[in-house]
Amino acid sequence: MEFVITEHTHCDLISIAGRIDSYSAPKINQALKSLFNDGHHNLVVDMRDVAYISSSGILVFVNAQRQLKRQNHGEIVFAGISDLVYSAFELAGFHQLFEFFDDTISAVGKF
């Protein structure tokens, strides 16, 4: 799994490639914590190149989103998510917690 963080004016874009599983989820969690600690609270996660997400991967994003909502500071949105990855969110019942966009331009434009 690889990820790249790009700063934009009103949000940060996190592009992830590969699988998000119990091995890679802690790395994403640490990156999210670092962004929050640096005052970055609006995040677009580009999942165009993610082929699989496990429950531990989903929970990283769910916990981060809940933290942001509790503090009333920003949110996480997803862009370019595949049907397979979206179905994992849907099966877990967390699809209503996030906004999903077809592409990164639309997602970044939300902020």
C-alpha atoms as a PDB file:
ATOM      1  CA  MET A   1       0.000   0.000   0.000  1.00  0.00           C
ATOM      2  CA  GLU A   2       1.223   3.457  -0.903  1.00  0.00           C
ATOM      3  CA  PHE A   3      -0.200   6.840  -0.108  1.00  0.00           C
ATOM      4  CA  VAL A   4       0.613  10.411  -1.046  1.00  0.00           C
ATOM      5  CA  ILE A   5      -0.687  13.518   0.713  1.00  0.00           C
ATOM      6  CA  THR A   6      -1.186  16.676  -1.356  1.00  0.00           C
ATOM      7  CA  GLU A   7      -2.137  19.987   0.249  1.00  0.00           C
ATOM      8  CA  HIS A   8      -4.863  22.088  -1.349  1.00  0.00           C
ATOM      9  CA  THR A   9      -6.212  25.458  -0.236  1.00  0.00           C
ATOM     10  CA  HIS A  10      -9.175  24.185   1.777  1.00  0.00           C
ATOM     11  CA  CYS A  11      -8.396  20.488   2.166  1.00  0.00           C
ATOM     12  CA  ASP A  12      -5.774  17.784   1.838  1.00  0.00           C
ATOM     13  CA  LEU A  13      -5.908  15.022  -0.766  1.00  0.00           C
ATOM     14  CA  ILE A  14      -4.738  11.575   0.304  1.00  0.00           C
ATOM     15  CA  SER A  15      -4.191   9.278  -2.675  1.00  0.00           C
ATOM     16  CA  ILE A  16      -4.001   5.616  -1.694  1.00  0.00           C
ATOM     17  CA  ALA A  17      -2.952   2.707  -3.910  1.00  0.00           C
ATOM     18  CA  GLY A  18      -3.052  -1.001  -3.093  1.00  0.00           C
ATOM     19  CA  ARG A  19      -4.817  -2.897  -0.338  1.00  0.00           C
ATOM     20  CA  ILE A  20      -5.983  -1.404   2.932  1.00  0.00           C
ATOM     21  CA  ASP A  21      -5.825  -4.203   5.474  1.00  0.00           C
ATOM     22  CA  SER A  22      -4.738  -4.900   9.045  1.00  0.00           C
ATOM     23  CA  TYR A  23      -1.101  -4.376   8.027  1.00  0.00           C
ATOM     24  CA  SER A  24      -1.541  -1.020   6.268  1.00  0.00           C
ATOM     25  CA  ALA A  25      -4.404   0.424   8.367  1.00  0.00           C
ATOM     26  CA  PRO A  26      -2.117   1.517  11.256  1.00  0.00           C
ATOM     27  CA  LYS A  27       0.045   3.477   8.788  1.00  0.00           C
ATOM     28  CA  ILE A  28      -3.023   5.327   7.532  1.00  0.00           C
ATOM     29  CA  ASN A  29      -4.182   5.901  11.095  1.00  0.00           C
ATOM     30  CA  GLN A  30      -0.822   7.456  11.991  1.00  0.00           C
ATOM     31  CA  ALA A  31      -0.918   9.696   8.908  1.00  0.00           C
ATOM     32  CA  LEU A  32      -4.441  10.881   9.801  1.00  0.00           C
ATOM     33  CA  LYS A  33      -3.391  11.636  13.382  1.00  0.00           C
ATOM     34  CA  SER A  34      -0.415  13.646  12.120  1.00  0.00           C
ATOM     35  CA  LEU A  35      -2.667  15.650   9.798  1.00  0.00           C
ATOM     36  CA  PHE A  36      -5.152  16.359  12.607  1.00  0.00           C
ATOM     37  CA  ASN A  37      -2.334  17.413  14.957  1.00  0.00           C
ATOM     38  CA  ASP A  38      -1.065  19.817  12.283  1.00  0.00           C
ATOM     39  CA  GLY A  39      -4.512  21.418  11.981  1.00  0.00           C
ATOM     40  CA  HIS A  40      -5.626  19.705   8.769  1.00  0.00           C
ATOM     41  CA  HIS A  41      -9.242  18.613   9.192  1.00  0.00           C
ATOM     42  CA  ASN A  42     -10.829  18.520   5.725  1.00  0.00           C
ATOM     43  CA  LEU A  43      -9.632  15.410   3.925  1.00  0.00           C
ATOM     44  CA  VAL A  44     -10.375  13.904   0.529  1.00  0.00           C
ATOM     45  CA  VAL A  45      -9.315  10.273   0.246  1.00  0.00           C
ATOM     46  CA  ASP A  46      -8.731   9.195  -3.349  1.00  0.00           C
ATOM     47  CA  MET A  47      -9.508   5.460  -3.429  1.00  0.00           C
ATOM     48  CA  ARG A  48      -9.326   5.070  -7.212  1.00  0.00           C
ATOM     49  CA  ASP A  49      -6.377   2.640  -6.931  1.00  0.00           C
ATOM     50  CA  VAL A  50      -7.582   0.703  -3.873  1.00  0.00           C
ATOM     51  CA  ALA A  51      -8.619  -2.834  -4.735  1.00  0.00           C
ATOM     52  CA  TYR A  52      -9.558  -4.028  -1.238  1.00  0.00           C
ATOM     53  CA  ILE A  53     -10.370  -2.637   2.209  1.00  0.00           C
ATOM     54  CA  SER A  54     -10.711  -4.754   5.334  1.00  0.00           C
ATOM     55  CA  SER A  55     -12.824  -4.036   8.373  1.00  0.00           C
ATOM     56  CA  SER A  56      -9.756  -2.692  10.182  1.00  0.00           C
ATOM     57  CA  GLY A  57      -9.197  -0.271   7.298  1.00  0.00           C
ATOM     58  CA  ILE A  58     -12.793   0.886   7.406  1.00  0.00           C
ATOM     59  CA  LEU A  59     -12.588   1.402  11.167  1.00  0.00           C
ATOM     60  CA  VAL A  60      -9.591   3.713  10.797  1.00  0.00           C
ATOM     61  CA  PHE A  61     -11.684   6.055   8.656  1.00  0.00           C
ATOM     62  CA  VAL A  62     -14.815   5.642  10.812  1.00  0.00           C
ATOM     63  CA  ASN A  63     -12.946   6.511  14.008  1.00  0.00           C
ATOM     64  CA  ALA A  64     -11.246   9.487  12.364  1.00  0.00           C
ATOM     65  CA  GLN A  65     -14.566  10.756  10.975  1.00  0.00           C
ATOM     66  CA  ARG A  66     -16.246  10.413  14.363  1.00  0.00           C
ATOM     67  CA  GLN A  67     -13.398  12.311  16.018  1.00  0.00           C
ATOM     68  CA  LEU A  68     -13.767  15.148  13.514  1.00  0.00           C
ATOM     69  CA  LYS A  69     -17.547  15.256  13.943  1.00  0.00           C
ATOM     70  CA  ARG A  70     -17.268  15.259  17.762  1.00  0.00           C
ATOM     71  CA  GLN A  71     -14.895  18.210  17.628  1.00  0.00           C
ATOM     72  CA  ASN A  72     -16.997  19.862  14.913  1.00  0.00           C
ATOM     73  CA  HIS A  73     -13.809  20.235  12.834  1.00  0.00           C
ATOM     74  CA  GLY A  74     -13.950  19.143   9.215  1.00  0.00           C
ATOM     75  CA  GLU A  75     -14.687  15.784   7.674  1.00  0.00           C
ATOM     76  CA  ILE A  76     -13.402  12.972   5.498  1.00  0.00           C
ATOM     77  CA  VAL A  77     -14.882  12.373   2.043  1.00  0.00           C
ATOM     78  CA  PHE A  78     -13.973   9.723  -0.524  1.00  0.00           C
ATOM     79  CA  ALA A  79     -13.360  10.005  -4.257  1.00  0.00           C
ATOM     80  CA  GLY A  80     -13.120   7.422  -7.019  1.00  0.00           C
ATOM     81  CA  ILE A  81     -14.125   4.498  -4.838  1.00  0.00           C
ATOM     82  CA  SER A  82     -14.759   1.208  -6.657  1.00  0.00           C
ATOM     83  CA  ASP A  83     -18.024  -0.690  -6.325  1.00  0.00           C
ATOM     84  CA  LEU A  84     -16.252  -3.491  -4.447  1.00  0.00           C
ATOM     85  CA  VAL A  85     -14.723  -1.154  -1.869  1.00  0.00           C
ATOM     86  CA  TYR A  86     -17.976   0.804  -1.538  1.00  0.00           C
ATOM     87  CA  SER A  87     -19.849  -2.439  -0.882  1.00  0.00           C
ATOM     88  CA  ALA A  88     -17.535  -3.104   2.083  1.00  0.00           C
ATOM     89  CA  PHE A  89     -18.588   0.238   3.600  1.00  0.00           C
ATOM     90  CA  GLU A  90     -22.214  -0.527   2.782  1.00  0.00           C
ATOM     91  CA  LEU A  91     -22.160  -4.023   4.293  1.00  0.00           C
ATOM     92  CA  ALA A  92     -20.622  -2.646   7.477  1.00  0.00           C
ATOM     93  CA  GLY A  93     -23.305   0.059   7.594  1.00  0.00           C
ATOM     94  CA  PHE A  94     -20.833   2.947   7.447  1.00  0.00           C
ATOM     95  CA  HIS A  95     -21.671   4.265   3.977  1.00  0.00           C
ATOM     96  CA  GLN A  96     -24.027   6.838   5.534  1.00  0.00           C
ATOM     97  CA  LEU A  97     -21.235   8.298   7.653  1.00  0.00           C
ATOM     98  CA  PHE A  98     -19.293   9.532   4.603  1.00  0.00           C
ATOM     99  CA  GLU A  99     -19.824  11.375   1.335  1.00  0.00           C
ATOM    100  CA  PHE A 100     -18.632   9.624  -1.827  1.00  0.00           C
ATOM    101  CA  PHE A 101     -17.681  11.444  -5.038  1.00  0.00           C
ATOM    102  CA  ASP A 102     -16.953  10.070  -8.495  1.00  0.00           C
ATOM    103  CA  ASP A 103     -13.704  11.991  -8.863  1.00  0.00           C
ATOM    104  CA  THR A 104     -11.211  14.042  -6.870  1.00  0.00           C
ATOM    105  CA  ILE A 105     -12.132  17.338  -8.556  1.00  0.00           C
ATOM    106  CA  SER A 106     -15.714  17.082  -7.293  1.00  0.00           C
ATOM    107  CA  ALA A 107     -14.564  15.994  -3.839  1.00  0.00           C
ATOM    108  CA  VAL A 108     -12.001  18.795  -3.470  1.00  0.00           C
ATOM    109  CA  GLY A 109     -14.638  21.237  -4.756  1.00  0.00           C
ATOM    110  CA  LYS A 110     -16.862  20.341  -1.801  1.00  0.00           C
ATOM    111  CA  PHE A 111     -14.503  22.251   0.453  1.00  0.00           C
END
